[in-house]
Amino acid sequence: MNILWFILIGIAAGWIAGRLMKGAGFGLIGNFVVGIIGALLGGFLFDLLGITAYGVLGSLIMAVIGALVLLFLLGLIKKK
């Protein structure tokens, strides 16, 4: 069940991050994949900073931040 929540939160984070970053969208499926990878990245970044996210809302915020960072980095790579 945890894997299902992780995927659902990642998909929601990808959609939210795609809406927040203008011009950084990769389409519906691409944003979902970015959200899932961003959830992993967000967890890694929060762990490095010593921040703990609790509950579904905390996990969603963490995943959105990770997805935004990932979209930013992909945007830098895409420009080159």
PDB file of N, CA and C in Angstrom:
ATOM      1  N   MET A   1       0.818  -1.195   0.000  1.00  0.00           N
ATOM      2  CA  MET A   1       0.000   0.000   0.000  1.00  0.00           C
ATOM      3  C   MET A   1       0.864   1.262   0.000  1.00  0.00           C
ATOM      4  N   ASN A   2       2.042   1.189   0.650  1.00  0.00           N
ATOM      5  CA  ASN A   2       2.934   2.348   0.661  1.00  0.00           C
ATOM      6  C   ASN A   2       3.413   2.715  -0.736  1.00  0.00           C
ATOM      7  N   ILE A   3       3.657   1.717  -1.575  1.00  0.00           N
ATOM      8  CA  ILE A   3       4.100   1.977  -2.947  1.00  0.00           C
ATOM      9  C   ILE A   3       3.008   2.712  -3.708  1.00  0.00           C
ATOM     10  N   LEU A   4       1.768   2.328  -3.506  1.00  0.00           N
ATOM     11  CA  LEU A   4       0.646   2.987  -4.176  1.00  0.00           C
ATOM     12  C   LEU A   4       0.553   4.455  -3.766  1.00  0.00           C
ATOM     13  N   TRP A   5       0.688   4.742  -2.466  1.00  0.00           N
ATOM     14  CA  TRP A   5       0.669   6.129  -1.994  1.00  0.00           C
ATOM     15  C   TRP A   5       1.831   6.919  -2.572  1.00  0.00           C
ATOM     16  N   PHE A   6       3.007   6.293  -2.625  1.00  0.00           N
ATOM     17  CA  PHE A   6       4.187   6.946  -3.184  1.00  0.00           C
ATOM     18  C   PHE A   6       3.953   7.331  -4.643  1.00  0.00           C
ATOM     19  N   ILE A   7       3.383   6.425  -5.414  1.00  0.00           N
ATOM     20  CA  ILE A   7       3.117   6.699  -6.825  1.00  0.00           C
ATOM     21  C   ILE A   7       2.057   7.784  -6.971  1.00  0.00           C
ATOM     22  N   LEU A   8       0.993   7.717  -6.181  1.00  0.00           N
ATOM     23  CA  LEU A   8      -0.064   8.732  -6.268  1.00  0.00           C
ATOM     24  C   LEU A   8       0.440  10.117  -5.870  1.00  0.00           C
ATOM     25  N   ILE A   9       1.245  10.176  -4.824  1.00  0.00           N
ATOM     26  CA  ILE A   9       1.807  11.461  -4.408  1.00  0.00           C
ATOM     27  C   ILE A   9       2.779  11.973  -5.466  1.00  0.00           C
ATOM     28  N   GLY A  10       3.568  11.091  -6.042  1.00  0.00           N
ATOM     29  CA  GLY A  10       4.490  11.478  -7.112  1.00  0.00           C
ATOM     30  C   GLY A  10       3.764  12.011  -8.331  1.00  0.00           C
ATOM     31  N   ILE A  11       2.664  11.383  -8.699  1.00  0.00           N
ATOM     32  CA  ILE A  11       1.875  11.847  -9.848  1.00  0.00           C
ATOM     33  C   ILE A  11       1.285  13.220  -9.555  1.00  0.00           C
ATOM     34  N   ALA A  12       0.741  13.395  -8.359  1.00  0.00           N
ATOM     35  CA  ALA A  12       0.176  14.697  -7.993  1.00  0.00           C
ATOM     36  C   ALA A  12       1.272  15.766  -7.960  1.00  0.00           C
ATOM     37  N   ALA A  13       2.442  15.417  -7.448  1.00  0.00           N
ATOM     38  CA  ALA A  13       3.553  16.369  -7.387  1.00  0.00           C
ATOM     39  C   ALA A  13       4.011  16.760  -8.786  1.00  0.00           C
ATOM     40  N   GLY A  14       4.059  15.809  -9.688  1.00  0.00           N
ATOM     41  CA  GLY A  14       4.448  16.119 -11.067  1.00  0.00           C
ATOM     42  C   GLY A  14       3.460  17.050 -11.734  1.00  0.00           C
ATOM     43  N   TRP A  15       2.189  16.829 -11.485  1.00  0.00           N
ATOM     44  CA  TRP A  15       1.161  17.693 -12.068  1.00  0.00           C
ATOM     45  C   TRP A  15       1.269  19.104 -11.496  1.00  0.00           C
ATOM     46  N   ILE A  16       1.425  19.208 -10.168  1.00  0.00           N
ATOM     47  CA  ILE A  16       1.530  20.520  -9.521  1.00  0.00           C
ATOM     48  C   ILE A  16       2.794  21.242  -9.991  1.00  0.00           C
ATOM     49  N   ALA A  17       3.908  20.542 -10.021  1.00  0.00           N
ATOM     50  CA  ALA A  17       5.168  21.160 -10.452  1.00  0.00           C
ATOM     51  C   ALA A  17       5.089  21.595 -11.911  1.00  0.00           C
ATOM     52  N   GLY A  18       4.429  20.811 -12.749  1.00  0.00           N
ATOM     53  CA  GLY A  18       4.248  21.189 -14.148  1.00  0.00           C
ATOM     54  C   GLY A  18       3.428  22.460 -14.293  1.00  0.00           C
ATOM     55  N   ARG A  19       2.478  22.679 -13.403  1.00  0.00           N
ATOM     56  CA  ARG A  19       1.660  23.899 -13.421  1.00  0.00           C
ATOM     57  C   ARG A  19       2.426  25.098 -12.875  1.00  0.00           C
ATOM     58  N   LEU A  20       3.290  24.857 -11.868  1.00  0.00           N
ATOM     59  CA  LEU A  20       4.032  25.956 -11.253  1.00  0.00           C
ATOM     60  C   LEU A  20       5.184  26.457 -12.121  1.00  0.00           C
ATOM     61  N   MET A  21       5.827  25.557 -12.847  1.00  0.00           N
ATOM     62  CA  MET A  21       6.961  25.932 -13.694  1.00  0.00           C
ATOM     63  C   MET A  21       6.452  26.188 -15.111  1.00  0.00           C
ATOM     64  N   LYS A  22       6.344  27.428 -15.463  1.00  0.00           N
ATOM     65  CA  LYS A  22       5.882  27.785 -16.805  1.00  0.00           C
ATOM     66  C   LYS A  22       6.918  27.359 -17.833  1.00  0.00           C
ATOM     67  N   GLY A  23       6.460  26.711 -18.885  1.00  0.00           N
ATOM     68  CA  GLY A  23       7.339  26.304 -19.966  1.00  0.00           C
ATOM     69  C   GLY A  23       8.191  25.092 -19.662  1.00  0.00           C
ATOM     70  N   ALA A  24       8.010  24.485 -18.509  1.00  0.00           N
ATOM     71  CA  ALA A  24       8.827  23.336 -18.141  1.00  0.00           C
ATOM     72  C   ALA A  24       8.048  22.038 -18.238  1.00  0.00           C
ATOM     73  N   GLY A  25       6.878  22.068 -18.835  1.00  0.00           N
ATOM     74  CA  GLY A  25       6.064  20.872 -18.916  1.00  0.00           C
ATOM     75  C   GLY A  25       6.597  19.875 -19.926  1.00  0.00           C
ATOM     76  N   PHE A  26       6.430  18.620 -19.635  1.00  0.00           N
ATOM     77  CA  PHE A  26       6.848  17.544 -20.522  1.00  0.00           C
ATOM     78  C   PHE A  26       5.653  16.704 -20.945  1.00  0.00           C
ATOM     79  N   GLY A  27       4.477  17.266 -20.886  1.00  0.00           N
ATOM     80  CA  GLY A  27       3.275  16.523 -21.221  1.00  0.00           C
ATOM     81  C   GLY A  27       2.756  15.771 -20.010  1.00  0.00           C
ATOM     82  N   LEU A  28       1.612  15.176 -20.157  1.00  0.00           N
ATOM     83  CA  LEU A  28       0.946  14.508 -19.041  1.00  0.00           C
ATOM     84  C   LEU A  28       1.794  13.375 -18.466  1.00  0.00           C
ATOM     85  N   ILE A  29       2.204  12.445 -19.307  1.00  0.00           N
ATOM     86  CA  ILE A  29       2.980  11.294 -18.833  1.00  0.00           C
ATOM     87  C   ILE A  29       4.361  11.742 -18.355  1.00  0.00           C
ATOM     88  N   GLY A  30       4.981  12.672 -19.064  1.00  0.00           N
ATOM     89  CA  GLY A  30       6.299  13.170 -18.671  1.00  0.00           C
ATOM     90  C   GLY A  30       6.273  13.832 -17.312  1.00  0.00           C
ATOM     91  N   ASN A  31       5.235  14.631 -17.040  1.00  0.00           N
ATOM     92  CA  ASN A  31       5.122  15.277 -15.734  1.00  0.00           C
ATOM     93  C   ASN A  31       4.879  14.263 -14.623  1.00  0.00           C
ATOM     94  N   PHE A  32       4.149  13.198 -14.923  1.00  0.00           N
ATOM     95  CA  PHE A  32       3.943  12.148 -13.927  1.00  0.00           C
ATOM     96  C   PHE A  32       5.264  11.461 -13.587  1.00  0.00           C
ATOM     97  N   VAL A  33       6.065  11.170 -14.613  1.00  0.00           N
ATOM     98  CA  VAL A  33       7.364  10.542 -14.388  1.00  0.00           C
ATOM     99  C   VAL A  33       8.279  11.492 -13.615  1.00  0.00           C
ATOM    100  N   VAL A  34       8.261  12.773 -13.999  1.00  0.00           N
ATOM    101  CA  VAL A  34       9.056  13.770 -13.279  1.00  0.00           C
ATOM    102  C   VAL A  34       8.610  13.844 -11.822  1.00  0.00           C
ATOM    103  N   GLY A  35       7.316  13.748 -11.571  1.00  0.00           N
ATOM    104  CA  GLY A  35       6.808  13.787 -10.207  1.00  0.00           C
ATOM    105  C   GLY A  35       7.279  12.612  -9.373  1.00  0.00           C
ATOM    106  N   ILE A  36       7.285  11.441  -9.952  1.00  0.00           N
ATOM    107  CA  ILE A  36       7.724  10.253  -9.213  1.00  0.00           C
ATOM    108  C   ILE A  36       9.226  10.332  -8.938  1.00  0.00           C
ATOM    109  N   ILE A  37      10.010  10.734  -9.951  1.00  0.00           N
ATOM    110  CA  ILE A  37      11.447  10.900  -9.734  1.00  0.00           C
ATOM    111  C   ILE A  37      11.695  12.065  -8.777  1.00  0.00           C
ATOM    112  N   GLY A  38      10.891  13.123  -8.901  1.00  0.00           N
ATOM    113  CA  GLY A  38      11.012  14.266  -7.996  1.00  0.00           C
ATOM    114  C   GLY A  38      10.702  13.901  -6.563  1.00  0.00           C
ATOM    115  N   ALA A  39       9.791  12.967  -6.353  1.00  0.00           N
ATOM    116  CA  ALA A  39       9.496  12.504  -4.994  1.00  0.00           C
ATOM    117  C   ALA A  39      10.724  11.830  -4.388  1.00  0.00           C
ATOM    118  N   LEU A  40      11.421  11.052  -5.177  1.00  0.00           N
ATOM    119  CA  LEU A  40      12.665  10.442  -4.699  1.00  0.00           C
ATOM    120  C   LEU A  40      13.717  11.505  -4.423  1.00  0.00           C
ATOM    121  N   LEU A  41      13.849  12.459  -5.350  1.00  0.00           N
ATOM    122  CA  LEU A  41      14.821  13.540  -5.182  1.00  0.00           C
ATOM    123  C   LEU A  41      14.485  14.404  -3.967  1.00  0.00           C
ATOM    124  N   GLY A  42      13.208  14.710  -3.787  1.00  0.00           N
ATOM    125  CA  GLY A  42      12.785  15.501  -2.634  1.00  0.00           C
ATOM    126  C   GLY A  42      13.095  14.794  -1.324  1.00  0.00           C
ATOM    127  N   GLY A  43      12.854  13.498  -1.273  1.00  0.00           N
ATOM    128  CA  GLY A  43      13.186  12.727  -0.075  1.00  0.00           C
ATOM    129  C   GLY A  43      14.677  12.747   0.212  1.00  0.00           C
ATOM    130  N   PHE A  44      15.478  12.639  -0.845  1.00  0.00           N
ATOM    131  CA  PHE A  44      16.924  12.689  -0.693  1.00  0.00           C
ATOM    132  C   PHE A  44      17.385  14.053  -0.198  1.00  0.00           C
ATOM    133  N   LEU A  45      16.855  15.124  -0.816  1.00  0.00           N
ATOM    134  CA  LEU A  45      17.242  16.481  -0.419  1.00  0.00           C
ATOM    135  C   LEU A  45      16.813  16.793   1.011  1.00  0.00           C
ATOM    136  N   PHE A  46      15.585  16.413   1.365  1.00  0.00           N
ATOM    137  CA  PHE A  46      15.104  16.666   2.733  1.00  0.00           C
ATOM    138  C   PHE A  46      15.950  15.897   3.739  1.00  0.00           C
ATOM    139  N   ASP A  47      16.359  14.676   3.385  1.00  0.00           N
ATOM    140  CA  ASP A  47      17.194  13.880   4.276  1.00  0.00           C
ATOM    141  C   ASP A  47      18.562  14.539   4.463  1.00  0.00           C
ATOM    142  N   LEU A  48      19.125  15.081   3.382  1.00  0.00           N
ATOM    143  CA  LEU A  48      20.407  15.780   3.483  1.00  0.00           C
ATOM    144  C   LEU A  48      20.317  16.994   4.397  1.00  0.00           C
ATOM    145  N   LEU A  49      19.179  17.693   4.336  1.00  0.00           N
ATOM    146  CA  LEU A  49      18.989  18.887   5.148  1.00  0.00           C
ATOM    147  C   LEU A  49      18.505  18.576   6.560  1.00  0.00           C
ATOM    148  N   GLY A  50      18.185  17.320   6.827  1.00  0.00           N
ATOM    149  CA  GLY A  50      17.722  16.924   8.146  1.00  0.00           C
ATOM    150  C   GLY A  50      16.270  17.297   8.415  1.00  0.00           C
ATOM    151  N   ILE A  51      15.492  17.471   7.346  1.00  0.00           N
ATOM    152  CA  ILE A  51      14.084  17.838   7.476  1.00  0.00           C
ATOM    153  C   ILE A  51      13.243  16.578   7.327  1.00  0.00           C
ATOM    154  N   THR A  52      12.250  16.440   8.181  1.00  0.00           N
ATOM    155  CA  THR A  52      11.353  15.298   8.119  1.00  0.00           C
ATOM    156  C   THR A  52       9.956  15.768   7.735  1.00  0.00           C
ATOM    157  N   ALA A  53       9.359  15.085   6.772  1.00  0.00           N
ATOM    158  CA  ALA A  53       7.995  15.400   6.342  1.00  0.00           C
ATOM    159  C   ALA A  53       7.056  14.348   6.924  1.00  0.00           C
ATOM    160  N   TYR A  54       5.983  14.805   7.554  1.00  0.00           N
ATOM    161  CA  TYR A  54       5.020  13.903   8.176  1.00  0.00           C
ATOM    162  C   TYR A  54       3.702  13.957   7.433  1.00  0.00           C
ATOM    163  N   GLY A  55       3.072  12.836   7.297  1.00  0.00           N
ATOM    164  CA  GLY A  55       1.737  12.758   6.717  1.00  0.00           C
ATOM    165  C   GLY A  55       1.730  12.913   5.210  1.00  0.00           C
ATOM    166  N   VAL A  56       0.535  12.856   4.676  1.00  0.00           N
ATOM    167  CA  VAL A  56       0.355  12.938   3.232  1.00  0.00           C
ATOM    168  C   VAL A  56       0.694  14.331   2.724  1.00  0.00           C
ATOM    169  N   LEU A  57       0.270  15.365   3.439  1.00  0.00           N
ATOM    170  CA  LEU A  57       0.548  16.734   3.006  1.00  0.00           C
ATOM    171  C   LEU A  57       2.046  17.022   3.033  1.00  0.00           C
ATOM    172  N   GLY A  58       2.736  16.600   4.057  1.00  0.00           N
ATOM    173  CA  GLY A  58       4.185  16.786   4.129  1.00  0.00           C
ATOM    174  C   GLY A  58       4.899  16.054   3.010  1.00  0.00           C
ATOM    175  N   SER A  59       4.448  14.845   2.723  1.00  0.00           N
ATOM    176  CA  SER A  59       5.034  14.071   1.628  1.00  0.00           C
ATOM    177  C   SER A  59       4.776  14.736   0.287  1.00  0.00           C
ATOM    178  N   LEU A  60       3.586  15.294   0.119  1.00  0.00           N
ATOM    179  CA  LEU A  60       3.255  15.976  -1.130  1.00  0.00           C
ATOM    180  C   LEU A  60       4.119  17.220  -1.306  1.00  0.00           C
ATOM    181  N   ILE A  61       4.292  17.995  -0.249  1.00  0.00           N
ATOM    182  CA  ILE A  61       5.135  19.198  -0.324  1.00  0.00           C
ATOM    183  C   ILE A  61       6.572  18.810  -0.651  1.00  0.00           C
ATOM    184  N   MET A  62       7.074  17.775  -0.011  1.00  0.00           N
ATOM    185  CA  MET A  62       8.429  17.298  -0.268  1.00  0.00           C
ATOM    186  C   MET A  62       8.577  16.843  -1.720  1.00  0.00           C
ATOM    187  N   ALA A  63       7.590  16.130  -2.229  1.00  0.00           N
ATOM    188  CA  ALA A  63       7.643  15.640  -3.598  1.00  0.00           C
ATOM    189  C   ALA A  63       7.543  16.789  -4.598  1.00  0.00           C
ATOM    190  N   VAL A  64       6.722  17.784  -4.314  1.00  0.00           N
ATOM    191  CA  VAL A  64       6.597  18.936  -5.213  1.00  0.00           C
ATOM    192  C   VAL A  64       7.919  19.695  -5.266  1.00  0.00           C
ATOM    193  N   ILE A  65       8.553  19.894  -4.126  1.00  0.00           N
ATOM    194  CA  ILE A  65       9.844  20.588  -4.112  1.00  0.00           C
ATOM    195  C   ILE A  65      10.879  19.796  -4.903  1.00  0.00           C
ATOM    196  N   GLY A  66      10.897  18.492  -4.728  1.00  0.00           N
ATOM    197  CA  GLY A  66      11.820  17.654  -5.501  1.00  0.00           C
ATOM    198  C   GLY A  66      11.531  17.712  -6.990  1.00  0.00           C
ATOM    199  N   ALA A  67      10.255  17.714  -7.361  1.00  0.00           N
ATOM    200  CA  ALA A  67       9.887  17.790  -8.769  1.00  0.00           C
ATOM    201  C   ALA A  67      10.240  19.152  -9.355  1.00  0.00           C
ATOM    202  N   LEU A  68      10.072  20.219  -8.573  1.00  0.00           N
ATOM    203  CA  LEU A  68      10.453  21.549  -9.046  1.00  0.00           C
ATOM    204  C   LEU A  68      11.962  21.631  -9.280  1.00  0.00           C
ATOM    205  N   VAL A  69      12.735  21.074  -8.373  1.00  0.00           N
ATOM    206  CA  VAL A  69      14.190  21.054  -8.547  1.00  0.00           C
ATOM    207  C   VAL A  69      14.555  20.258  -9.796  1.00  0.00           C
ATOM    208  N   LEU A  70      13.924  19.120  -9.967  1.00  0.00           N
ATOM    209  CA  LEU A  70      14.197  18.287 -11.138  1.00  0.00           C
ATOM    210  C   LEU A  70      13.816  19.003 -12.429  1.00  0.00           C
ATOM    211  N   LEU A  71      12.645  19.647 -12.461  1.00  0.00           N
ATOM    212  CA  LEU A  71      12.240  20.392 -13.653  1.00  0.00           C
ATOM    213  C   LEU A  71      13.199  21.547 -13.937  1.00  0.00           C
ATOM    214  N   PHE A  72      13.670  22.216 -12.892  1.00  0.00           N
ATOM    215  CA  PHE A  72      14.641  23.290 -13.069  1.00  0.00           C
ATOM    216  C   PHE A  72      15.922  22.756 -13.701  1.00  0.00           C
ATOM    217  N   LEU A  73      16.432  21.648 -13.166  1.00  0.00           N
ATOM    218  CA  LEU A  73      17.654  21.056 -13.699  1.00  0.00           C
ATOM    219  C   LEU A  73      17.466  20.563 -15.132  1.00  0.00           C
ATOM    220  N   LEU A  74      16.331  19.945 -15.401  1.00  0.00           N
ATOM    221  CA  LEU A  74      16.053  19.487 -16.766  1.00  0.00           C
ATOM    222  C   LEU A  74      15.909  20.670 -17.718  1.00  0.00           C
ATOM    223  N   GLY A  75      15.369  21.779 -17.247  1.00  0.00           N
ATOM    224  CA  GLY A  75      15.269  22.980 -18.058  1.00  0.00           C
ATOM    225  C   GLY A  75      16.645  23.535 -18.410  1.00  0.00           C
ATOM    226  N   LEU A  76      17.578  23.482 -17.471  1.00  0.00           N
ATOM    227  CA  LEU A  76      18.934  23.928 -17.747  1.00  0.00           C
ATOM    228  C   LEU A  76      19.605  23.036 -18.791  1.00  0.00           C
ATOM    229  N   ILE A  77      19.403  21.737 -18.671  1.00  0.00           N
ATOM    230  CA  ILE A  77      19.982  20.801 -19.616  1.00  0.00           C
ATOM    231  C   ILE A  77      19.333  20.941 -20.992  1.00  0.00           C
ATOM    232  N   LYS A  78      18.040  21.152 -21.005  1.00  0.00           N
ATOM    233  CA  LYS A  78      17.272  21.269 -22.246  1.00  0.00           C
ATOM    234  C   LYS A  78      17.716  22.484 -23.060  1.00  0.00           C
ATOM    235  N   LYS A  79      18.099  23.583 -22.388  1.00  0.00           N
ATOM    236  CA  LYS A  79      18.535  24.797 -23.071  1.00  0.00           C
ATOM    237  C   LYS A  79      19.849  24.612 -23.803  1.00  0.00           C
ATOM    238  N   LYS A  80      20.704  23.741 -23.278  1.00  0.00           N
ATOM    239  CA  LYS A  80      22.021  23.528 -23.883  1.00  0.00           C
ATOM    240  C   LYS A  80      21.908  22.564 -24.980  1.00  0.00           C
TER     241      LYS A  80
END
